[in-house]
Amino acid sequence: MAPRTCAGHSVFGMSLFLRRNRWLVEPAVGVAFFVLWAIEVVGRHQLAAGSLRLTVPFWAALLLLATAIACSRLQPVAAMVAGTAVLIGQLLFPTAVFDEPLAYAGYAIVILVVAATTQGRMRAITFAFAVGAGISAAGLISWSLGVGHVNAGTRAIFFIVCAGAAGISWLIGALLGTWRRKRTSELELARATSALRAAETEVVVASERERIAQDVHDIMAHSLSVILAQADGARLVAEERPAAVAPSLATIASTARSSLTEVRVLIETLVGSPDGPAHPGIADLEELVRRLSDAGLAITIERFGDDADLTVAQELAVYRIVQEGLTNALKHAGPGALVRLALDNRDDGIAISITSRPDNEVSELAAPNPNGRGVIGMRERARLAGGWLDAGADDDIRGGFLVTAYIPSAGREGIA
């Protein structure tokens, strides 16, 4: 088992090395090409003092072809220029012609790599280079082997075979280049998809955190406002009216118990099933109004029409909007504030109106916190339920505040 593990690590390490040093492959092949052919022909082309004129063109051609191989990927145009220069030089200097036909296989390497590297209009240039190199190499090989006396038909077939071999090398290179670019695009797409999924997950998590924070705010702000109002009232009347303390304490206990229940419901929705237990809805508004009335608000409820066809989520939005509106009235207008809650049920949805003002019209509402979650949360709940909400000072009542909202019936979101 251990040798397999070591072998696996070795293969992985080699693969990683090749991916990181891909640019070294062609230069290494070019060096190997020159060295191997130099060993092969050194006896026939020695760089002696009296034969430099005959041997230097040969070695220059071999070195230039090896250079073309080495730079074929990084500089494909330079590689084609160098390869063309070799062919032209061999036509001008016959001693530079390779006496081993297999040496011209170096052109197949150059053609394959430049075809795989280039794209677009350069593809046509590389194809022309491939065909030209194949035909030129065929002519030089024919001259080198002294087959000029062979009949024209055989020479034509030889030229076609060489040009075809060059064309096949080009086609293989072009296909490899297309496959490599396609694979690179797929990898980039996979990375982009992974990054997009990660960003989507972050957005979902952030949205869920925002929802949880808003639910906790709605529950705790309402409950603590009621508890605070009842506690202050009980403290003020404890000496003069001791009998009034007990109902206030009962309201505090009931509100705290209800808040605890809602917090438990919220926690169960997070760790339980996706649907979770039932949330408060329109039917629970009477209990909500009763608790806030006990806390000191003078609330008048007006209902119009039959119950609207709302989903559970929409009913929860209505409940939270009313809860936040009444809680804000208690916090900013104070105990004894006058509140009018109107629920207008229609065939296409429900309209909500909450008007509040201090019990003394001379008084002013406490300045709301512009960065608070209350109004922003109400607007967001209405929007997510398919409707809208507006909140601001009531121009018709001194010190008054008006909240209006509309939630469309199920299946009619966006109709307002």
Protein backbone atom coordinates (compact mmCIF):
# COMPACT_ATOMS: atom_id res chain seq x y z
CA MET A 1 0.00 0.00 0.00
CA ALA A 2 2.86 2.36 0.87
CA PRO A 3 4.61 2.08 -2.53
CA ARG A 4 1.32 2.87 -4.26
CA THR A 5 0.89 5.93 -2.11
CA CYS A 6 4.42 7.12 -2.87
CA ALA A 7 3.89 6.46 -6.57
CA GLY A 8 0.62 8.39 -6.47
CA HIS A 9 2.30 11.34 -4.81
CA SER A 10 5.12 11.19 -7.39
CA VAL A 11 2.68 11.21 -10.31
CA PHE A 12 0.67 14.03 -8.75
CA GLY A 13 3.84 16.02 -8.10
CA MET A 14 5.04 15.52 -11.67
CA SER A 15 1.64 16.54 -13.06
CA LEU A 16 1.62 19.65 -10.89
CA PHE A 17 5.16 20.50 -12.00
CA LEU A 18 4.21 20.16 -15.67
CA ARG A 19 1.14 22.35 -15.25
CA ARG A 20 3.13 25.08 -13.53
CA ASN A 21 6.05 24.86 -15.99
CA ARG A 22 4.15 24.16 -19.22
CA TRP A 23 6.22 26.75 -21.09
CA LEU A 24 9.37 24.65 -20.60
CA VAL A 25 8.13 21.71 -22.70
CA GLU A 26 8.81 23.11 -26.19
CA PRO A 27 12.26 24.54 -25.29
CA ALA A 28 13.19 21.15 -23.80
CA VAL A 29 12.01 19.39 -26.99
CA GLY A 30 14.00 21.84 -29.11
CA VAL A 31 17.17 21.24 -27.11
CA ALA A 32 16.67 17.47 -27.26
CA PHE A 33 16.07 17.65 -31.03
CA PHE A 34 19.31 19.53 -31.62
CA VAL A 35 21.40 17.36 -29.31
CA LEU A 36 20.15 14.04 -30.73
CA TRP A 37 20.66 15.06 -34.34
CA ALA A 38 24.02 16.60 -33.54
CA ILE A 39 25.16 13.26 -32.10
CA GLU A 40 23.78 11.49 -35.17
CA VAL A 41 25.51 13.61 -37.83
CA VAL A 42 28.59 14.95 -36.04
CA GLY A 43 30.81 12.44 -37.82
CA ARG A 44 29.65 13.57 -41.26
CA HIS A 45 29.59 17.31 -40.57
CA GLN A 46 32.66 18.09 -38.48
CA LEU A 47 33.49 21.72 -37.80
CA ALA A 48 37.08 21.44 -39.01
CA ALA A 49 39.12 24.45 -40.08
CA GLY A 50 39.14 23.51 -43.74
CA SER A 51 35.47 22.56 -43.99
CA LEU A 52 33.69 25.40 -42.18
CA ARG A 53 32.28 26.75 -45.44
CA LEU A 54 30.55 23.43 -46.08
CA THR A 55 29.49 22.52 -42.54
CA VAL A 56 28.45 25.86 -40.98
CA PRO A 57 25.25 26.21 -43.14
CA PHE A 58 24.20 22.70 -42.08
CA TRP A 59 24.70 23.36 -38.36
CA ALA A 60 23.03 26.76 -38.69
CA ALA A 61 19.98 25.15 -40.32
CA LEU A 62 19.80 22.47 -37.63
CA LEU A 63 20.16 25.04 -34.84
CA LEU A 64 17.56 27.35 -36.40
CA LEU A 65 15.03 24.49 -36.75
CA ALA A 66 15.63 23.53 -33.11
CA THR A 67 15.06 27.18 -32.17
CA ALA A 68 11.78 27.17 -34.12
CA ILE A 69 10.66 24.16 -32.10
CA ALA A 70 11.71 25.80 -28.84
CA CYS A 71 9.73 29.02 -29.42
CA SER A 72 6.77 27.49 -31.27
CA ARG A 73 4.37 27.95 -28.35
CA LEU A 74 5.52 31.25 -26.86
CA GLN A 75 6.32 32.94 -30.21
CA PRO A 76 4.48 31.06 -32.99
CA VAL A 77 5.13 33.78 -35.60
CA ALA A 78 8.86 33.77 -34.86
CA ALA A 79 8.85 29.98 -35.06
CA MET A 80 7.25 30.06 -38.52
CA VAL A 81 9.72 32.73 -39.67
CA ALA A 82 12.66 30.65 -38.42
CA GLY A 83 11.29 27.50 -40.08
CA THR A 84 10.77 29.34 -43.37
CA ALA A 85 14.29 30.79 -43.13
CA VAL A 86 15.70 27.25 -42.84
CA LEU A 87 13.91 26.11 -45.99
CA ILE A 88 15.00 29.19 -47.95
CA GLY A 89 18.58 28.81 -46.70
CA GLN A 90 18.68 25.17 -47.78
CA LEU A 91 17.52 26.17 -51.24
CA LEU A 92 20.30 28.75 -51.45
CA PHE A 93 23.00 26.62 -49.79
CA PRO A 94 22.70 22.95 -50.80
CA THR A 95 25.20 21.89 -48.12
CA ALA A 96 22.64 22.95 -45.49
CA VAL A 97 20.14 20.31 -46.64
CA PHE A 98 19.58 17.57 -44.08
CA ASP A 99 20.96 14.29 -45.39
CA GLU A 100 18.65 12.43 -43.01
CA PRO A 101 15.02 12.90 -44.21
CA LEU A 102 13.73 12.15 -40.73
CA ALA A 103 15.21 15.44 -39.50
CA TYR A 104 12.41 17.25 -41.34
CA ALA A 105 10.04 15.69 -38.82
CA GLY A 106 10.96 18.70 -36.70
CA TYR A 107 8.61 20.69 -38.93
CA ALA A 108 5.75 18.42 -37.86
CA ILE A 109 6.40 19.47 -34.26
CA VAL A 110 6.50 23.17 -35.18
CA ILE A 111 3.32 22.89 -37.26
CA LEU A 112 1.44 20.99 -34.54
CA VAL A 113 2.34 23.45 -31.77
CA VAL A 114 1.69 26.67 -33.72
CA ALA A 115 -1.66 25.30 -34.94
CA ALA A 116 -2.63 24.49 -31.33
CA THR A 117 -1.49 27.91 -30.08
CA THR A 118 -3.00 30.25 -32.67
CA GLN A 119 -6.63 30.94 -33.43
CA GLY A 120 -8.79 33.19 -35.56
CA ARG A 121 -7.18 34.56 -38.72
CA MET A 122 -3.78 33.20 -37.68
CA ARG A 123 -5.14 29.71 -38.33
CA ALA A 124 -5.07 30.39 -42.10
CA ILE A 125 -1.45 31.57 -41.89
CA THR A 126 -0.38 28.49 -39.95
CA PHE A 127 -2.15 26.25 -42.46
CA ALA A 128 -0.36 27.95 -45.36
CA PHE A 129 2.94 27.54 -43.50
CA ALA A 130 2.20 23.84 -42.93
CA VAL A 131 1.42 23.12 -46.58
CA GLY A 132 4.37 25.20 -47.80
CA ALA A 133 6.75 23.52 -45.38
CA GLY A 134 5.50 20.07 -46.41
CA ILE A 135 5.97 20.73 -50.14
CA SER A 136 9.38 22.39 -49.61
CA ALA A 137 10.57 19.53 -47.43
CA ALA A 138 9.42 17.06 -50.10
CA GLY A 139 11.47 18.87 -52.73
CA LEU A 140 14.57 19.04 -50.55
CA ILE A 141 14.30 15.36 -49.61
CA SER A 142 13.89 14.40 -53.29
CA TRP A 143 17.02 16.35 -54.19
CA SER A 144 18.97 14.98 -51.22
CA LEU A 145 18.13 11.37 -52.06
CA GLY A 146 18.73 11.87 -55.79
CA VAL A 147 15.33 10.67 -56.88
CA GLY A 148 14.93 13.22 -59.63
CA HIS A 149 14.98 10.42 -62.23
CA VAL A 150 11.80 8.91 -60.77
CA ASN A 151 8.77 9.37 -63.01
CA ALA A 152 6.61 12.44 -62.51
CA GLY A 153 3.64 10.47 -61.14
CA THR A 154 5.67 8.99 -58.29
CA ARG A 155 7.19 12.39 -57.45
CA ALA A 156 3.73 13.94 -57.40
CA ILE A 157 2.49 11.27 -55.01
CA PHE A 158 5.52 11.87 -52.77
CA PHE A 159 4.85 15.61 -52.73
CA ILE A 160 1.17 14.98 -51.93
CA VAL A 161 2.08 12.62 -49.09
CA CYS A 162 4.46 15.18 -47.55
CA ALA A 163 1.93 17.99 -47.89
CA GLY A 164 -0.77 15.69 -46.47
CA ALA A 165 1.43 14.77 -43.50
CA ALA A 166 1.98 18.47 -42.81
CA GLY A 167 -1.77 19.08 -43.14
CA ILE A 168 -2.54 16.24 -40.72
CA SER A 169 -0.07 17.70 -38.22
CA TRP A 170 -1.83 21.05 -38.55
CA LEU A 171 -5.25 19.44 -38.11
CA ILE A 172 -4.16 17.55 -34.99
CA GLY A 173 -2.68 20.72 -33.54
CA ALA A 174 -5.83 22.72 -34.32
CA LEU A 175 -8.02 20.07 -32.68
CA LEU A 176 -5.76 19.93 -29.61
CA GLY A 177 -5.85 23.72 -29.34
CA THR A 178 -9.63 23.76 -29.60
CA TRP A 179 -9.94 21.03 -26.96
CA ARG A 180 -7.50 22.82 -24.63
CA ARG A 181 -9.34 26.14 -24.95
CA LYS A 182 -12.67 24.39 -24.42
CA ARG A 183 -11.32 22.68 -21.31
CA THR A 184 -9.95 26.00 -20.02
CA SER A 185 -13.32 27.65 -20.62
CA GLU A 186 -15.08 24.83 -18.78
CA LEU A 187 -12.71 25.19 -15.83
CA GLU A 188 -13.24 28.95 -15.75
CA LEU A 189 -16.99 28.41 -15.97
CA ALA A 190 -16.80 25.91 -13.10
CA ARG A 191 -14.80 28.37 -11.01
CA ALA A 192 -17.23 31.19 -11.84
CA THR A 193 -20.19 28.92 -11.02
CA SER A 194 -18.59 27.95 -7.72
CA ALA A 195 -17.95 31.59 -6.86
CA LEU A 196 -21.52 32.47 -7.83
CA ARG A 197 -22.90 29.69 -5.64
CA ALA A 198 -20.74 30.87 -2.75
CA ALA A 199 -21.99 34.43 -3.24
CA GLU A 200 -25.58 33.17 -3.47
CA THR A 201 -25.09 31.23 -0.24
CA GLU A 202 -23.77 34.36 1.44
CA VAL A 203 -26.79 36.32 0.23
CA VAL A 204 -29.17 33.65 1.50
CA VAL A 205 -27.41 33.54 4.85
CA ALA A 206 -27.46 37.34 5.10
CA SER A 207 -31.16 37.42 4.16
CA GLU A 208 -31.93 34.77 6.76
CA ARG A 209 -30.00 36.67 9.40
CA GLU A 210 -31.92 39.82 8.47
CA ARG A 211 -35.22 37.95 8.72
CA ILE A 212 -34.30 36.50 12.11
CA ALA A 213 -33.18 39.91 13.36
CA GLN A 214 -36.42 41.47 12.16
CA ASP A 215 -38.53 38.77 13.82
CA VAL A 216 -36.64 39.11 17.08
CA HIS A 217 -37.03 42.89 16.89
CA ASP A 218 -40.77 42.66 16.26
CA ILE A 219 -41.31 40.20 19.09
CA MET A 220 -39.05 41.75 21.71
CA ALA A 221 -39.75 45.41 20.93
CA HIS A 222 -43.48 44.85 21.29
CA SER A 223 -43.21 42.75 24.43
CA LEU A 224 -40.70 44.97 26.19
CA SER A 225 -42.67 48.10 25.33
CA VAL A 226 -45.80 46.61 26.90
CA ILE A 227 -43.88 45.35 29.93
CA LEU A 228 -42.18 48.72 30.39
CA ALA A 229 -45.46 50.64 30.15
CA GLN A 230 -47.19 48.31 32.60
CA ALA A 231 -44.24 48.40 35.04
CA ASP A 232 -44.11 52.22 34.96
CA GLY A 233 -47.87 52.42 35.47
CA ALA A 234 -47.79 49.97 38.37
CA ARG A 235 -44.91 51.84 39.99
CA LEU A 236 -46.73 55.18 39.78
CA VAL A 237 -50.04 53.92 41.23
CA ALA A 238 -48.64 51.38 43.71
CA GLU A 239 -49.07 53.66 46.73
CA GLU A 240 -52.36 55.33 45.79
CA ARG A 241 -54.12 52.38 44.13
CA PRO A 242 -52.53 49.10 45.25
CA ALA A 243 -55.40 47.15 43.71
CA ALA A 244 -54.30 48.30 40.21
CA VAL A 245 -50.89 46.67 40.59
CA ALA A 246 -52.15 43.10 40.29
CA PRO A 247 -53.74 43.56 36.81
CA SER A 248 -50.55 45.25 35.60
CA LEU A 249 -48.44 42.37 36.86
CA ALA A 250 -50.83 39.93 35.20
CA THR A 251 -50.44 41.80 31.91
CA ILE A 252 -46.65 41.78 32.30
CA ALA A 253 -46.67 38.03 32.93
CA SER A 254 -49.04 37.37 30.01
CA THR A 255 -46.97 39.52 27.65
CA ALA A 256 -43.70 37.90 28.73
CA ARG A 257 -45.24 34.44 28.36
CA SER A 258 -46.56 35.28 24.88
CA SER A 259 -43.18 36.71 23.86
CA LEU A 260 -41.43 33.58 25.12
CA THR A 261 -43.82 31.45 23.09
CA GLU A 262 -43.15 33.44 19.92
CA VAL A 263 -39.40 33.22 20.45
CA ARG A 264 -39.71 29.45 20.84
CA VAL A 265 -41.76 29.33 17.63
CA LEU A 266 -39.03 31.29 15.86
CA ILE A 267 -36.31 28.94 17.12
CA GLU A 268 -38.32 25.87 16.10
CA THR A 269 -38.69 27.24 12.57
CA LEU A 270 -34.91 27.48 12.38
CA VAL A 271 -34.09 23.98 13.64
CA GLY A 272 -37.25 22.11 12.77
CA SER A 273 -39.07 21.44 9.54
CA PRO A 274 -39.11 24.09 6.79
CA ASP A 275 -42.79 24.86 7.41
CA GLY A 276 -42.34 25.05 11.15
CA PRO A 277 -45.21 25.60 13.59
CA ALA A 278 -48.01 28.06 12.99
CA HIS A 279 -47.25 31.77 13.05
CA PRO A 280 -49.58 34.45 14.38
CA GLY A 281 -52.07 35.78 11.86
CA ILE A 282 -55.07 38.07 11.49
CA ALA A 283 -57.09 35.98 13.96
CA ASP A 284 -54.53 36.83 16.67
CA LEU A 285 -54.91 40.61 16.26
CA GLU A 286 -57.62 40.77 18.94
CA GLU A 287 -55.23 39.38 21.56
CA LEU A 288 -52.51 41.76 20.38
CA VAL A 289 -54.84 44.75 20.68
CA ARG A 290 -55.95 43.59 24.13
CA ARG A 291 -52.38 43.42 25.42
CA LEU A 292 -51.54 46.88 24.11
CA SER A 293 -54.79 48.27 25.45
CA ASP A 294 -53.85 46.92 28.86
CA ALA A 295 -50.50 48.67 28.43
CA GLY A 296 -52.25 52.02 28.15
CA LEU A 297 -53.17 52.54 24.50
CA ALA A 298 -56.72 53.63 23.68
CA ILE A 299 -57.27 51.56 20.54
CA THR A 300 -60.28 51.73 18.27
CA ILE A 301 -60.65 48.92 15.75
CA GLU A 302 -62.66 49.27 12.54
CA ARG A 303 -63.15 46.31 10.22
CA PHE A 304 -64.66 46.40 6.75
CA GLY A 305 -65.57 43.53 4.47
CA ASP A 306 -65.01 39.81 4.78
CA ASP A 307 -61.67 38.16 5.45
CA ALA A 308 -59.23 38.53 2.56
CA ASP A 309 -57.73 35.46 0.90
CA LEU A 310 -54.17 35.67 2.27
CA THR A 311 -51.45 33.09 2.64
CA VAL A 312 -49.96 32.20 6.02
CA ALA A 313 -46.89 34.33 5.21
CA GLN A 314 -49.08 37.28 4.22
CA GLU A 315 -51.15 36.97 7.42
CA LEU A 316 -47.90 36.97 9.39
CA ALA A 317 -46.85 40.14 7.54
CA VAL A 318 -50.17 41.81 8.45
CA TYR A 319 -49.79 40.78 12.09
CA ARG A 320 -46.20 42.06 12.29
CA ILE A 321 -47.08 45.35 10.60
CA VAL A 322 -49.93 45.99 13.02
CA GLN A 323 -47.79 44.87 15.95
CA GLU A 324 -44.97 47.22 15.01
CA GLY A 325 -47.34 50.10 14.29
CA LEU A 326 -49.08 49.78 17.67
CA THR A 327 -45.75 49.25 19.48
CA ASN A 328 -44.34 52.41 17.90
CA ALA A 329 -47.46 54.33 18.99
CA LEU A 330 -46.90 53.13 22.55
CA LYS A 331 -43.20 54.05 22.48
CA HIS A 332 -43.49 57.45 20.83
CA ALA A 333 -46.95 58.70 21.86
CA GLY A 334 -46.78 57.15 25.31
CA PRO A 335 -49.45 55.43 27.46
CA GLY A 336 -52.87 56.89 26.94
CA ALA A 337 -52.21 57.54 23.25
CA LEU A 338 -55.22 57.38 20.96
CA VAL A 339 -54.90 54.83 18.17
CA ARG A 340 -57.27 53.98 15.34
CA LEU A 341 -56.70 50.65 13.56
CA ALA A 342 -58.65 50.12 10.34
CA LEU A 343 -58.65 46.84 8.44
CA ASP A 344 -60.37 47.04 5.07
CA ASN A 345 -60.82 43.53 3.61
CA ARG A 346 -61.41 43.50 -0.12
CA ASP A 347 -61.64 40.87 -2.83
CA ASP A 348 -58.16 41.73 -4.03
CA GLY A 349 -56.44 42.16 -0.66
CA ILE A 350 -56.44 43.98 2.66
CA ALA A 351 -55.73 47.65 3.37
CA ILE A 352 -54.30 48.61 6.76
CA SER A 353 -54.42 52.03 8.38
CA ILE A 354 -52.95 52.87 11.79
CA THR A 355 -53.40 56.40 13.08
CA SER A 356 -51.92 57.43 16.43
CA ARG A 357 -51.60 60.62 18.45
CA PRO A 358 -50.89 61.58 22.08
CA ASP A 359 -53.85 61.88 24.43
CA ASN A 360 -53.06 65.59 24.58
CA GLU A 361 -52.94 67.15 21.11
CA VAL A 362 -50.57 69.79 22.38
CA SER A 363 -47.97 67.10 23.00
CA GLU A 364 -45.59 66.06 20.27
CA LEU A 365 -44.63 62.56 19.33
CA ALA A 366 -41.17 61.44 20.43
CA ALA A 367 -38.75 61.80 17.54
CA PRO A 368 -38.45 58.40 15.84
CA ASN A 369 -35.03 56.83 15.33
CA PRO A 370 -34.18 57.25 11.60
CA ASN A 371 -31.89 54.21 11.80
CA GLY A 372 -34.38 52.04 13.67
CA ARG A 373 -35.61 48.78 12.26
CA GLY A 374 -39.30 49.44 12.87
CA VAL A 375 -40.50 51.34 9.80
CA ILE A 376 -37.86 49.75 7.56
CA GLY A 377 -38.96 46.30 8.72
CA MET A 378 -42.64 47.09 8.11
CA ARG A 379 -41.90 48.27 4.57
CA GLU A 380 -39.83 45.18 3.84
CA ARG A 381 -42.50 42.83 5.17
CA ALA A 382 -45.13 44.52 3.02
CA ARG A 383 -42.88 44.32 -0.03
CA LEU A 384 -42.11 40.63 0.47
CA ALA A 385 -45.84 39.98 0.85
CA GLY A 386 -46.40 41.57 -2.56
CA GLY A 387 -47.74 44.91 -1.30
CA TRP A 388 -46.52 48.28 -0.09
CA LEU A 389 -46.36 50.41 3.05
CA ASP A 390 -46.01 54.11 3.78
CA ALA A 391 -45.39 55.72 7.16
CA GLY A 392 -44.97 59.31 8.27
CA ALA A 393 -46.46 62.27 10.10
CA ASP A 394 -50.23 62.69 9.85
CA ASP A 395 -50.87 66.13 8.37
CA ASP A 396 -54.48 66.14 9.63
CA ILE A 397 -53.64 65.60 13.32
CA ARG A 398 -51.16 67.60 15.35
CA GLY A 399 -48.49 65.24 16.67
CA GLY A 400 -50.12 62.36 14.83
CA PHE A 401 -48.47 59.51 12.93
CA LEU A 402 -50.01 57.53 10.08
CA VAL A 403 -49.15 54.08 8.75
CA THR A 404 -50.90 52.83 5.62
CA ALA A 405 -50.26 49.50 3.93
CA TYR A 406 -51.78 47.19 1.36
CA ILE A 407 -51.31 43.43 1.04
CA PRO A 408 -52.82 41.80 -2.08
CA SER A 409 -54.70 38.53 -1.95
CA ALA A 410 -52.87 35.28 -2.66
CA GLY A 411 -51.99 35.00 -6.34
CA ARG A 412 -52.51 38.73 -6.94
CA GLU A 413 -49.11 40.00 -5.74
CA GLY A 414 -48.13 43.29 -7.26
CA ILE A 415 -51.75 44.48 -7.75
CA ALA A 416 -52.10 47.64 -5.75
